[in-house]
N, C-alpha and C. Protein backbone atom coordinates (compact mmCIF):
# COMPACT_ATOMS: atom_id res chain seq x y z
N MET A 1 -27.65 20.65 -16.52
CA MET A 1 -26.59 20.56 -15.52
C MET A 1 -25.94 21.92 -15.34
N LYS A 2 -25.77 22.30 -14.10
CA LYS A 2 -25.17 23.59 -13.79
C LYS A 2 -23.70 23.62 -14.17
N SER A 3 -23.29 24.71 -14.82
CA SER A 3 -21.89 24.87 -15.19
C SER A 3 -21.11 25.46 -14.01
N VAL A 4 -19.93 24.91 -13.79
CA VAL A 4 -19.09 25.38 -12.69
C VAL A 4 -17.80 25.96 -13.26
N ASP A 5 -17.43 27.16 -12.80
CA ASP A 5 -16.18 27.78 -13.20
C ASP A 5 -15.06 27.18 -12.36
N LYS A 6 -14.33 26.21 -12.95
CA LYS A 6 -13.28 25.52 -12.19
C LYS A 6 -12.06 26.38 -11.94
N SER A 7 -11.92 27.51 -12.64
CA SER A 7 -10.75 28.36 -12.42
C SER A 7 -10.71 28.87 -10.99
N ALA A 8 -11.87 28.94 -10.34
CA ALA A 8 -11.91 29.41 -8.96
C ALA A 8 -11.44 28.36 -7.97
N LEU A 9 -11.33 27.11 -8.44
CA LEU A 9 -10.98 26.02 -7.55
C LEU A 9 -9.47 25.82 -7.43
N TYR A 10 -8.70 26.39 -8.32
CA TYR A 10 -7.28 26.12 -8.37
C TYR A 10 -6.49 27.43 -8.34
N SER A 11 -5.44 27.45 -7.58
CA SER A 11 -4.52 28.59 -7.62
C SER A 11 -3.10 28.05 -7.67
N ILE A 12 -2.26 28.66 -8.48
CA ILE A 12 -0.90 28.20 -8.66
C ILE A 12 0.06 29.25 -8.13
N ASN A 13 0.96 28.82 -7.26
CA ASN A 13 1.91 29.73 -6.65
C ASN A 13 3.26 29.04 -6.57
N ASN A 14 4.25 29.54 -7.31
CA ASN A 14 5.59 28.95 -7.32
C ASN A 14 5.56 27.46 -7.64
N ASN A 15 4.78 27.08 -8.65
CA ASN A 15 4.65 25.70 -9.13
C ASN A 15 3.95 24.77 -8.14
N ASN A 16 3.43 25.30 -7.03
CA ASN A 16 2.63 24.50 -6.12
C ASN A 16 1.16 24.78 -6.40
N VAL A 17 0.37 23.71 -6.48
CA VAL A 17 -1.05 23.87 -6.77
C VAL A 17 -1.83 23.73 -5.48
N SER A 18 -2.60 24.74 -5.13
CA SER A 18 -3.49 24.67 -3.98
C SER A 18 -4.90 24.39 -4.49
N VAL A 19 -5.53 23.33 -4.00
CA VAL A 19 -6.81 22.90 -4.54
C VAL A 19 -7.88 22.96 -3.47
N ILE A 20 -8.98 23.60 -3.81
CA ILE A 20 -10.16 23.62 -2.95
C ILE A 20 -11.04 22.45 -3.36
N ASN A 21 -11.57 21.71 -2.41
CA ASN A 21 -12.41 20.55 -2.69
C ASN A 21 -13.61 20.95 -3.55
N PRO A 22 -13.73 20.41 -4.78
CA PRO A 22 -14.86 20.78 -5.65
C PRO A 22 -16.11 19.95 -5.41
N TRP A 23 -16.05 18.99 -4.50
CA TRP A 23 -17.21 18.16 -4.18
C TRP A 23 -17.97 18.76 -2.99
N ARG A 24 -19.32 18.70 -3.03
CA ARG A 24 -20.11 19.13 -1.89
C ARG A 24 -20.93 17.95 -1.38
N ILE A 25 -20.78 17.65 -0.10
CA ILE A 25 -21.49 16.52 0.50
C ILE A 25 -22.83 17.01 1.07
N ILE A 26 -23.90 16.37 0.63
CA ILE A 26 -25.24 16.69 1.11
C ILE A 26 -25.58 15.85 2.33
N SER A 27 -25.28 14.56 2.26
CA SER A 27 -25.55 13.66 3.38
C SER A 27 -24.63 12.45 3.28
N ALA A 28 -24.50 11.73 4.39
CA ALA A 28 -23.66 10.53 4.44
C ALA A 28 -24.45 9.42 5.12
N LYS A 29 -24.37 8.22 4.56
CA LYS A 29 -25.11 7.08 5.11
C LYS A 29 -24.16 5.91 5.30
N PRO A 30 -23.95 5.47 6.56
CA PRO A 30 -23.13 4.26 6.77
C PRO A 30 -23.81 3.05 6.13
N ILE A 31 -23.02 2.25 5.39
CA ILE A 31 -23.55 1.08 4.70
C ILE A 31 -23.06 -0.21 5.35
N TYR A 32 -21.82 -0.22 5.77
CA TYR A 32 -21.22 -1.46 6.27
C TYR A 32 -20.06 -1.11 7.19
N ASP A 33 -19.83 -1.96 8.21
CA ASP A 33 -18.74 -1.72 9.12
C ASP A 33 -18.27 -3.04 9.72
N ASN A 34 -16.95 -3.25 9.72
CA ASN A 34 -16.38 -4.38 10.45
C ASN A 34 -15.08 -3.94 11.11
N LYS A 35 -14.29 -4.89 11.56
CA LYS A 35 -13.06 -4.58 12.29
C LYS A 35 -12.00 -3.89 11.43
N TRP A 36 -12.08 -4.08 10.12
CA TRP A 36 -11.01 -3.61 9.22
C TRP A 36 -11.42 -2.44 8.33
N ILE A 37 -12.69 -2.41 7.92
CA ILE A 37 -13.13 -1.37 6.99
C ILE A 37 -14.52 -0.88 7.35
N SER A 38 -14.87 0.30 6.84
CA SER A 38 -16.25 0.77 6.85
C SER A 38 -16.56 1.34 5.47
N VAL A 39 -17.82 1.24 5.08
CA VAL A 39 -18.26 1.76 3.78
C VAL A 39 -19.35 2.80 4.01
N THR A 40 -19.18 3.96 3.40
CA THR A 40 -20.14 5.05 3.52
C THR A 40 -20.59 5.48 2.13
N GLU A 41 -21.90 5.72 1.99
CA GLU A 41 -22.42 6.26 0.73
C GLU A 41 -22.79 7.72 0.95
N TYR A 42 -22.29 8.58 0.09
CA TYR A 42 -22.53 10.02 0.20
C TYR A 42 -23.45 10.48 -0.92
N ASP A 43 -24.42 11.34 -0.58
CA ASP A 43 -25.14 12.12 -1.60
C ASP A 43 -24.32 13.39 -1.82
N VAL A 44 -23.99 13.66 -3.07
CA VAL A 44 -23.05 14.74 -3.36
C VAL A 44 -23.53 15.63 -4.50
N ILE A 45 -22.97 16.80 -4.53
CA ILE A 45 -22.97 17.64 -5.72
C ILE A 45 -21.58 17.50 -6.32
N ASN A 46 -21.49 16.97 -7.54
CA ASN A 46 -20.17 16.69 -8.12
C ASN A 46 -19.51 17.96 -8.65
N PRO A 47 -18.24 17.89 -9.08
CA PRO A 47 -17.53 19.10 -9.51
C PRO A 47 -18.19 19.84 -10.68
N ASN A 48 -19.05 19.16 -11.45
CA ASN A 48 -19.75 19.83 -12.55
C ASN A 48 -21.12 20.36 -12.13
N GLY A 49 -21.45 20.24 -10.84
CA GLY A 49 -22.70 20.79 -10.34
C GLY A 49 -23.88 19.84 -10.36
N GLY A 50 -23.65 18.59 -10.74
CA GLY A 50 -24.74 17.62 -10.81
C GLY A 50 -24.90 16.84 -9.52
N ASN A 51 -26.11 16.30 -9.31
CA ASN A 51 -26.36 15.45 -8.15
C ASN A 51 -25.81 14.06 -8.41
N GLY A 52 -25.32 13.42 -7.37
CA GLY A 52 -24.81 12.06 -7.54
C GLY A 52 -24.57 11.39 -6.21
N ILE A 53 -24.00 10.19 -6.28
CA ILE A 53 -23.60 9.47 -5.07
C ILE A 53 -22.13 9.11 -5.18
N TYR A 54 -21.51 8.89 -4.05
CA TYR A 54 -20.11 8.46 -4.03
C TYR A 54 -19.95 7.47 -2.87
N GLY A 55 -19.40 6.31 -3.16
CA GLY A 55 -19.12 5.32 -2.13
C GLY A 55 -17.66 5.39 -1.73
N LYS A 56 -17.41 5.41 -0.43
CA LYS A 56 -16.03 5.48 0.08
C LYS A 56 -15.77 4.34 1.05
N VAL A 57 -14.65 3.64 0.84
CA VAL A 57 -14.21 2.60 1.75
C VAL A 57 -13.14 3.20 2.66
N HIS A 58 -13.42 3.21 3.95
CA HIS A 58 -12.44 3.69 4.93
C HIS A 58 -11.69 2.51 5.53
N PHE A 59 -10.36 2.56 5.49
CA PHE A 59 -9.53 1.51 6.06
C PHE A 59 -9.10 1.89 7.46
N LYS A 60 -9.27 0.97 8.40
CA LYS A 60 -8.98 1.22 9.80
C LYS A 60 -7.53 0.91 10.16
N ASN A 61 -6.78 0.42 9.18
CA ASN A 61 -5.35 0.15 9.36
C ASN A 61 -4.57 0.76 8.20
N ALA A 62 -3.33 1.10 8.46
CA ALA A 62 -2.42 1.51 7.39
C ALA A 62 -1.90 0.26 6.68
N ALA A 63 -1.67 0.37 5.39
CA ALA A 63 -1.07 -0.73 4.62
C ALA A 63 0.44 -0.65 4.77
N ILE A 64 1.06 -1.77 5.14
CA ILE A 64 2.49 -1.82 5.40
C ILE A 64 3.14 -2.84 4.48
N GLY A 65 4.20 -2.46 3.79
CA GLY A 65 4.96 -3.38 2.96
C GLY A 65 6.44 -3.29 3.28
N ILE A 66 7.12 -4.44 3.23
CA ILE A 66 8.55 -4.49 3.55
C ILE A 66 9.29 -5.26 2.47
N LEU A 67 10.34 -4.69 1.92
CA LEU A 67 11.20 -5.42 1.01
C LEU A 67 12.49 -5.75 1.74
N PRO A 68 12.66 -7.02 2.18
CA PRO A 68 13.91 -7.41 2.83
C PRO A 68 14.99 -7.66 1.77
N LEU A 69 16.20 -7.22 2.03
CA LEU A 69 17.29 -7.38 1.07
C LEU A 69 18.56 -7.74 1.84
N ASP A 70 19.11 -8.94 1.56
CA ASP A 70 20.30 -9.36 2.31
C ASP A 70 21.58 -8.88 1.62
N GLU A 71 22.72 -9.25 2.18
CA GLU A 71 24.01 -8.76 1.67
C GLU A 71 24.32 -9.28 0.27
N GLU A 72 23.74 -10.43 -0.09
CA GLU A 72 23.95 -11.00 -1.44
C GLU A 72 22.87 -10.54 -2.41
N LEU A 73 22.08 -9.57 -2.02
CA LEU A 73 20.98 -9.03 -2.83
C LEU A 73 19.92 -10.09 -3.15
N ASN A 74 19.62 -10.90 -2.14
CA ASN A 74 18.45 -11.77 -2.20
C ASN A 74 17.31 -11.08 -1.46
N THR A 75 16.10 -11.38 -1.89
CA THR A 75 14.93 -10.88 -1.17
C THR A 75 14.02 -12.06 -0.84
N TYR A 76 12.94 -11.77 -0.15
CA TYR A 76 12.00 -12.81 0.29
C TYR A 76 10.61 -12.45 -0.20
N LEU A 77 9.96 -13.40 -0.88
CA LEU A 77 8.60 -13.20 -1.37
C LEU A 77 7.64 -14.08 -0.58
N VAL A 78 6.45 -13.58 -0.42
CA VAL A 78 5.39 -14.30 0.30
C VAL A 78 4.28 -14.61 -0.68
N GLY A 79 3.90 -15.87 -0.74
CA GLY A 79 2.81 -16.29 -1.61
C GLY A 79 1.58 -16.67 -0.81
N GLN A 80 0.42 -16.26 -1.29
CA GLN A 80 -0.83 -16.64 -0.64
C GLN A 80 -1.99 -16.47 -1.62
N TYR A 81 -3.07 -17.19 -1.33
CA TYR A 81 -4.28 -17.06 -2.15
C TYR A 81 -5.06 -15.85 -1.65
N ARG A 82 -5.36 -14.94 -2.56
CA ARG A 82 -6.07 -13.72 -2.20
C ARG A 82 -7.56 -13.90 -2.45
N PHE A 83 -8.34 -13.85 -1.37
CA PHE A 83 -9.78 -14.10 -1.42
C PHE A 83 -10.48 -13.17 -2.41
N ALA A 84 -10.18 -11.87 -2.33
CA ALA A 84 -10.90 -10.90 -3.16
C ALA A 84 -10.62 -11.09 -4.65
N LEU A 85 -9.40 -11.52 -4.98
CA LEU A 85 -9.02 -11.70 -6.38
C LEU A 85 -9.36 -13.08 -6.91
N GLU A 86 -9.54 -14.03 -6.00
CA GLU A 86 -9.74 -15.43 -6.36
C GLU A 86 -8.56 -15.96 -7.18
N GLN A 87 -7.36 -15.60 -6.73
CA GLN A 87 -6.16 -16.10 -7.37
C GLN A 87 -4.97 -16.03 -6.42
N TYR A 88 -3.94 -16.80 -6.76
CA TYR A 88 -2.72 -16.83 -5.94
C TYR A 88 -1.86 -15.62 -6.27
N SER A 89 -1.15 -15.11 -5.28
CA SER A 89 -0.38 -13.89 -5.46
C SER A 89 0.96 -13.99 -4.75
N TRP A 90 2.04 -13.65 -5.49
CA TRP A 90 3.37 -13.50 -4.88
C TRP A 90 3.59 -12.02 -4.58
N GLU A 91 4.03 -11.75 -3.35
CA GLU A 91 4.13 -10.37 -2.88
C GLU A 91 5.36 -10.22 -2.00
N ILE A 92 5.67 -8.98 -1.64
CA ILE A 92 6.61 -8.73 -0.57
C ILE A 92 5.86 -8.97 0.75
N PRO A 93 6.56 -9.12 1.88
CA PRO A 93 5.85 -9.21 3.16
C PRO A 93 4.99 -7.96 3.38
N GLU A 94 3.73 -8.18 3.71
CA GLU A 94 2.77 -7.08 3.83
C GLU A 94 1.78 -7.34 4.95
N GLY A 95 1.14 -6.27 5.38
CA GLY A 95 0.08 -6.41 6.38
C GLY A 95 -0.48 -5.06 6.72
N GLY A 96 -1.26 -5.03 7.80
CA GLY A 96 -1.87 -3.79 8.24
C GLY A 96 -1.38 -3.40 9.62
N GLY A 97 -1.31 -2.11 9.86
CA GLY A 97 -0.92 -1.60 11.16
C GLY A 97 -1.95 -0.61 11.66
N PRO A 98 -2.32 -0.67 12.93
CA PRO A 98 -3.29 0.29 13.48
C PRO A 98 -2.87 1.73 13.18
N LEU A 99 -3.84 2.57 12.82
CA LEU A 99 -3.53 3.95 12.42
C LEU A 99 -2.83 4.72 13.53
N GLU A 100 -3.11 4.37 14.78
CA GLU A 100 -2.50 5.10 15.89
C GLU A 100 -1.12 4.56 16.25
N GLN A 101 -0.67 3.48 15.60
CA GLN A 101 0.62 2.87 15.92
C GLN A 101 1.70 3.36 14.96
N ASP A 102 2.92 3.48 15.46
CA ASP A 102 4.06 3.86 14.63
C ASP A 102 4.22 2.84 13.49
N VAL A 103 4.29 3.33 12.25
CA VAL A 103 4.30 2.42 11.10
C VAL A 103 5.56 1.56 11.06
N LEU A 104 6.67 2.05 11.56
CA LEU A 104 7.89 1.24 11.59
C LEU A 104 7.72 0.05 12.53
N GLN A 105 7.08 0.25 13.66
CA GLN A 105 6.82 -0.87 14.56
C GLN A 105 5.91 -1.90 13.91
N SER A 106 4.92 -1.43 13.16
CA SER A 106 4.04 -2.34 12.43
C SER A 106 4.83 -3.12 11.38
N ALA A 107 5.76 -2.44 10.71
CA ALA A 107 6.57 -3.10 9.68
C ALA A 107 7.45 -4.18 10.30
N LYS A 108 8.06 -3.88 11.43
CA LYS A 108 8.91 -4.88 12.10
C LYS A 108 8.09 -6.10 12.50
N ARG A 109 6.89 -5.86 12.99
CA ARG A 109 6.03 -6.97 13.40
C ARG A 109 5.63 -7.82 12.20
N GLU A 110 5.24 -7.17 11.11
CA GLU A 110 4.80 -7.90 9.92
C GLU A 110 5.92 -8.73 9.31
N LEU A 111 7.13 -8.17 9.26
CA LEU A 111 8.25 -8.90 8.69
C LEU A 111 8.53 -10.16 9.50
N LEU A 112 8.51 -10.02 10.82
CA LEU A 112 8.77 -11.18 11.69
C LEU A 112 7.65 -12.21 11.57
N GLU A 113 6.41 -11.75 11.57
CA GLU A 113 5.27 -12.67 11.50
C GLU A 113 5.31 -13.50 10.23
N GLU A 114 5.56 -12.86 9.09
CA GLU A 114 5.41 -13.55 7.81
C GLU A 114 6.65 -14.31 7.38
N THR A 115 7.83 -13.83 7.75
CA THR A 115 9.06 -14.46 7.25
C THR A 115 9.99 -14.97 8.35
N GLY A 116 9.77 -14.54 9.58
CA GLY A 116 10.69 -14.87 10.65
C GLY A 116 11.95 -14.03 10.64
N LEU A 117 11.98 -12.98 9.84
CA LEU A 117 13.17 -12.13 9.73
C LEU A 117 13.09 -10.94 10.67
N GLU A 118 14.26 -10.59 11.21
CA GLU A 118 14.44 -9.33 11.89
C GLU A 118 15.50 -8.55 11.14
N ALA A 119 15.37 -7.22 11.13
CA ALA A 119 16.31 -6.38 10.40
C ALA A 119 16.89 -5.33 11.34
N ALA A 120 18.19 -5.09 11.20
CA ALA A 120 18.86 -4.08 12.02
C ALA A 120 18.87 -2.72 11.35
N GLU A 121 18.55 -2.68 10.05
CA GLU A 121 18.60 -1.41 9.31
C GLU A 121 17.30 -1.25 8.53
N TRP A 122 16.63 -0.11 8.75
CA TRP A 122 15.35 0.15 8.11
C TRP A 122 15.40 1.49 7.37
N THR A 123 14.88 1.49 6.14
CA THR A 123 14.79 2.71 5.35
C THR A 123 13.38 2.83 4.80
N LYS A 124 12.75 3.97 5.00
CA LYS A 124 11.43 4.17 4.42
C LYS A 124 11.58 4.52 2.95
N LEU A 125 10.95 3.72 2.09
CA LEU A 125 11.07 3.92 0.66
C LEU A 125 10.03 4.89 0.11
N MET A 126 8.78 4.80 0.60
CA MET A 126 7.74 5.65 0.04
C MET A 126 6.46 5.55 0.86
N GLU A 127 5.59 6.53 0.64
CA GLU A 127 4.20 6.49 1.07
C GLU A 127 3.34 6.68 -0.17
N PHE A 128 2.19 6.05 -0.18
CA PHE A 128 1.31 6.22 -1.33
C PHE A 128 -0.10 5.81 -0.96
N HIS A 129 -1.05 6.12 -1.87
CA HIS A 129 -2.45 5.77 -1.67
C HIS A 129 -2.82 4.64 -2.63
N LEU A 130 -3.55 3.68 -2.12
CA LEU A 130 -3.98 2.52 -2.91
C LEU A 130 -5.44 2.72 -3.31
N SER A 131 -5.74 2.55 -4.59
CA SER A 131 -7.12 2.62 -5.09
C SER A 131 -7.82 3.88 -4.59
N ASN A 132 -7.22 5.04 -4.88
CA ASN A 132 -7.68 6.29 -4.26
C ASN A 132 -8.97 6.85 -4.84
N SER A 133 -9.56 6.17 -5.82
CA SER A 133 -10.86 6.62 -6.31
C SER A 133 -12.00 6.13 -5.43
N VAL A 134 -11.75 5.08 -4.63
CA VAL A 134 -12.83 4.53 -3.80
C VAL A 134 -12.44 4.34 -2.35
N SER A 135 -11.15 4.48 -2.01
CA SER A 135 -10.74 4.23 -0.63
C SER A 135 -9.73 5.26 -0.16
N ASP A 136 -9.59 5.34 1.17
CA ASP A 136 -8.61 6.25 1.77
C ASP A 136 -7.39 5.49 2.29
N GLU A 137 -7.18 4.25 1.80
CA GLU A 137 -6.09 3.43 2.31
C GLU A 137 -4.74 4.08 2.04
N HIS A 138 -3.92 4.18 3.07
CA HIS A 138 -2.62 4.85 3.01
C HIS A 138 -1.54 3.79 3.20
N GLY A 139 -0.60 3.73 2.26
CA GLY A 139 0.43 2.71 2.29
C GLY A 139 1.80 3.25 2.66
N HIS A 140 2.60 2.40 3.32
CA HIS A 140 3.98 2.72 3.71
C HIS A 140 4.85 1.53 3.33
N ILE A 141 5.95 1.78 2.63
CA ILE A 141 6.85 0.71 2.24
C ILE A 141 8.25 0.98 2.77
N PHE A 142 8.84 -0.08 3.34
CA PHE A 142 10.17 0.01 3.94
C PHE A 142 11.13 -0.97 3.25
N LEU A 143 12.40 -0.61 3.25
CA LEU A 143 13.49 -1.51 2.88
C LEU A 143 14.13 -1.99 4.18
N ALA A 144 14.26 -3.31 4.33
CA ALA A 144 14.84 -3.89 5.54
C ALA A 144 16.15 -4.58 5.19
N ARG A 145 17.22 -4.23 5.91
CA ARG A 145 18.54 -4.80 5.63
C ARG A 145 19.20 -5.28 6.92
N ARG A 146 20.37 -5.95 6.76
CA ARG A 146 21.10 -6.58 7.88
C ARG A 146 20.14 -7.52 8.61
N LEU A 147 19.81 -8.58 7.90
CA LEU A 147 18.75 -9.49 8.31
C LEU A 147 19.26 -10.62 9.20
N THR A 148 18.42 -11.03 10.13
CA THR A 148 18.66 -12.20 10.97
C THR A 148 17.43 -13.09 10.91
N GLN A 149 17.64 -14.40 10.70
CA GLN A 149 16.51 -15.32 10.61
C GLN A 149 16.06 -15.79 11.99
N ARG A 150 14.79 -15.60 12.28
CA ARG A 150 14.15 -16.10 13.49
C ARG A 150 13.01 -17.04 13.06
N GLN A 151 12.06 -17.27 13.96
CA GLN A 151 10.91 -18.13 13.66
C GLN A 151 9.73 -17.27 13.23
N SER A 152 9.10 -17.62 12.10
CA SER A 152 7.94 -16.86 11.64
C SER A 152 6.75 -17.10 12.56
N GLN A 153 5.81 -16.16 12.56
CA GLN A 153 4.64 -16.22 13.44
C GLN A 153 3.40 -15.79 12.66
N PRO A 154 3.00 -16.53 11.62
CA PRO A 154 1.85 -16.11 10.82
C PRO A 154 0.56 -16.11 11.62
N GLU A 155 -0.38 -15.22 11.22
CA GLU A 155 -1.69 -15.19 11.86
C GLU A 155 -2.47 -16.43 11.46
N GLU A 156 -3.51 -16.75 12.25
CA GLU A 156 -4.27 -17.98 12.00
C GLU A 156 -5.02 -17.97 10.67
N THR A 157 -5.29 -16.77 10.14
CA THR A 157 -6.00 -16.68 8.86
C THR A 157 -5.06 -16.79 7.67
N GLU A 158 -3.76 -16.85 7.91
CA GLU A 158 -2.78 -16.82 6.82
C GLU A 158 -2.22 -18.21 6.53
N ASP A 159 -2.23 -18.59 5.26
CA ASP A 159 -1.60 -19.82 4.78
C ASP A 159 -0.54 -19.37 3.79
N LEU A 160 0.68 -19.17 4.29
CA LEU A 160 1.72 -18.49 3.52
C LEU A 160 2.81 -19.44 3.05
N ALA A 161 3.34 -19.13 1.86
CA ALA A 161 4.57 -19.75 1.38
C ALA A 161 5.61 -18.65 1.28
N VAL A 162 6.80 -18.89 1.82
CA VAL A 162 7.87 -17.89 1.78
C VAL A 162 9.03 -18.47 0.98
N LYS A 163 9.53 -17.69 0.02
CA LYS A 163 10.69 -18.15 -0.73
C LYS A 163 11.73 -17.03 -0.85
N LYS A 164 12.98 -17.45 -0.73
CA LYS A 164 14.12 -16.55 -0.88
C LYS A 164 14.57 -16.60 -2.32
N VAL A 165 14.64 -15.43 -2.97
CA VAL A 165 15.02 -15.38 -4.39
C VAL A 165 16.00 -14.24 -4.60
N PRO A 166 16.86 -14.34 -5.63
CA PRO A 166 17.68 -13.18 -5.99
C PRO A 166 16.77 -12.00 -6.33
N PHE A 167 17.19 -10.81 -5.92
CA PHE A 167 16.37 -9.63 -6.20
C PHE A 167 16.05 -9.52 -7.69
N GLU A 168 17.02 -9.84 -8.55
CA GLU A 168 16.78 -9.73 -9.99
C GLU A 168 15.67 -10.66 -10.45
N GLU A 169 15.50 -11.81 -9.78
CA GLU A 169 14.39 -12.69 -10.13
C GLU A 169 13.05 -12.04 -9.75
N ALA A 170 13.02 -11.40 -8.58
CA ALA A 170 11.80 -10.69 -8.19
C ALA A 170 11.49 -9.58 -9.19
N TYR A 171 12.53 -8.88 -9.65
CA TYR A 171 12.33 -7.83 -10.65
C TYR A 171 11.78 -8.41 -11.95
N ARG A 172 12.30 -9.56 -12.37
CA ARG A 172 11.77 -10.20 -13.60
C ARG A 172 10.33 -10.62 -13.41
N MET A 173 9.95 -11.02 -12.20
CA MET A 173 8.56 -11.40 -11.93
C MET A 173 7.62 -10.20 -12.05
N VAL A 174 8.12 -9.02 -11.75
CA VAL A 174 7.34 -7.80 -12.00
C VAL A 174 7.26 -7.53 -13.50
N GLU A 175 8.39 -7.65 -14.18
CA GLU A 175 8.45 -7.36 -15.61
C GLU A 175 7.56 -8.29 -16.43
N ASP A 176 7.48 -9.57 -16.03
CA ASP A 176 6.69 -10.50 -16.83
C ASP A 176 5.25 -10.65 -16.33
N GLY A 177 4.88 -9.87 -15.32
CA GLY A 177 3.50 -9.88 -14.85
C GLY A 177 3.17 -10.96 -13.85
N THR A 178 4.17 -11.71 -13.37
CA THR A 178 3.91 -12.72 -12.34
C THR A 178 3.54 -12.05 -11.02
N ILE A 179 4.23 -10.97 -10.68
CA ILE A 179 3.89 -10.18 -9.49
C ILE A 179 3.02 -9.01 -9.95
N THR A 180 1.80 -8.95 -9.40
CA THR A 180 0.87 -7.88 -9.77
C THR A 180 0.43 -7.04 -8.58
N ASP A 181 0.74 -7.47 -7.38
CA ASP A 181 0.38 -6.72 -6.18
C ASP A 181 1.01 -5.34 -6.21
N SER A 182 0.20 -4.29 -5.99
CA SER A 182 0.69 -2.92 -6.20
C SER A 182 1.83 -2.53 -5.27
N MET A 183 1.76 -2.95 -3.99
CA MET A 183 2.83 -2.60 -3.07
C MET A 183 4.13 -3.29 -3.44
N ALA A 184 4.03 -4.56 -3.85
CA ALA A 184 5.22 -5.29 -4.26
C ALA A 184 5.84 -4.69 -5.52
N VAL A 185 4.99 -4.36 -6.49
CA VAL A 185 5.48 -3.76 -7.74
C VAL A 185 6.20 -2.45 -7.43
N ALA A 186 5.57 -1.59 -6.62
CA ALA A 186 6.17 -0.29 -6.31
C ALA A 186 7.49 -0.45 -5.58
N ALA A 187 7.54 -1.36 -4.61
CA ALA A 187 8.76 -1.54 -3.83
C ALA A 187 9.90 -2.09 -4.68
N ILE A 188 9.60 -3.09 -5.49
CA ILE A 188 10.65 -3.72 -6.30
C ILE A 188 11.18 -2.75 -7.35
N LEU A 189 10.31 -2.00 -7.98
CA LEU A 189 10.78 -1.02 -8.98
C LEU A 189 11.58 0.10 -8.32
N LYS A 190 11.17 0.52 -7.14
CA LYS A 190 11.92 1.56 -6.42
C LYS A 190 13.33 1.07 -6.09
N VAL A 191 13.44 -0.15 -5.56
CA VAL A 191 14.76 -0.67 -5.20
C VAL A 191 15.60 -0.91 -6.45
N LYS A 192 14.98 -1.33 -7.54
CA LYS A 192 15.73 -1.50 -8.80
C LYS A 192 16.35 -0.17 -9.23
N ILE A 193 15.58 0.91 -9.14
CA ILE A 193 16.09 2.22 -9.50
C ILE A 193 17.24 2.62 -8.57
N MET A 194 17.08 2.36 -7.28
CA MET A 194 18.13 2.70 -6.32
C MET A 194 19.41 1.91 -6.62
N LEU A 195 19.29 0.64 -7.01
CA LEU A 195 20.46 -0.15 -7.36
C LEU A 195 21.13 0.40 -8.62
N LEU A 196 20.33 0.76 -9.61
CA LEU A 196 20.89 1.31 -10.85
C LEU A 196 21.59 2.65 -10.62
N GLU A 197 21.10 3.41 -9.65
CA GLU A 197 21.68 4.72 -9.37
C GLU A 197 22.81 4.63 -8.34
N GLY A 198 23.15 3.41 -7.92
CA GLY A 198 24.24 3.23 -6.97
C GLY A 198 23.93 3.70 -5.55
N LYS A 199 22.64 3.71 -5.20
CA LYS A 199 22.25 4.18 -3.86
C LYS A 199 22.18 3.05 -2.85
N LEU A 200 22.40 1.82 -3.29
CA LEU A 200 22.42 0.67 -2.38
C LEU A 200 23.73 -0.08 -2.55
């Protein structure tokens, strides 16, 4: 196996790291494509100079998560059976938004569809990547406040249960492992920190 001098790949300037891509793509082969994802297999030279393959899942929508929080510090959880996991999952309201669409508009739509809630105050909590070793899925999480209850509008593929719980109960569900969905875990822990720091 060819040895690669990785020192040439990284430069540090004022504590910022600039990284040159150490992977070299030889060829790309489409494997699968549908309305939501595509899968590509790449022939590559890896960072150590060896030949290999890499499979990448491209997501055609952004991942959107919303943590609604009312004046009494209650939140709303959505329960559904997750096909890929083969198990039931309690989560924050979540969905996908077209990459070309404003993510806040997608968040407003998802919140209304799944819970029937509208919010007058929106705060972006974070952006992050989900499962970044195999996919390029990009996530956005919002905090929704000053809530008004309307009629929910779930999609035909969704069989959802919605429950209103004290935020502290949702936090305990993360702590005891009842909630395992990554977007829900990230959102609930972020809001818990904001509450402890007096930012809400």
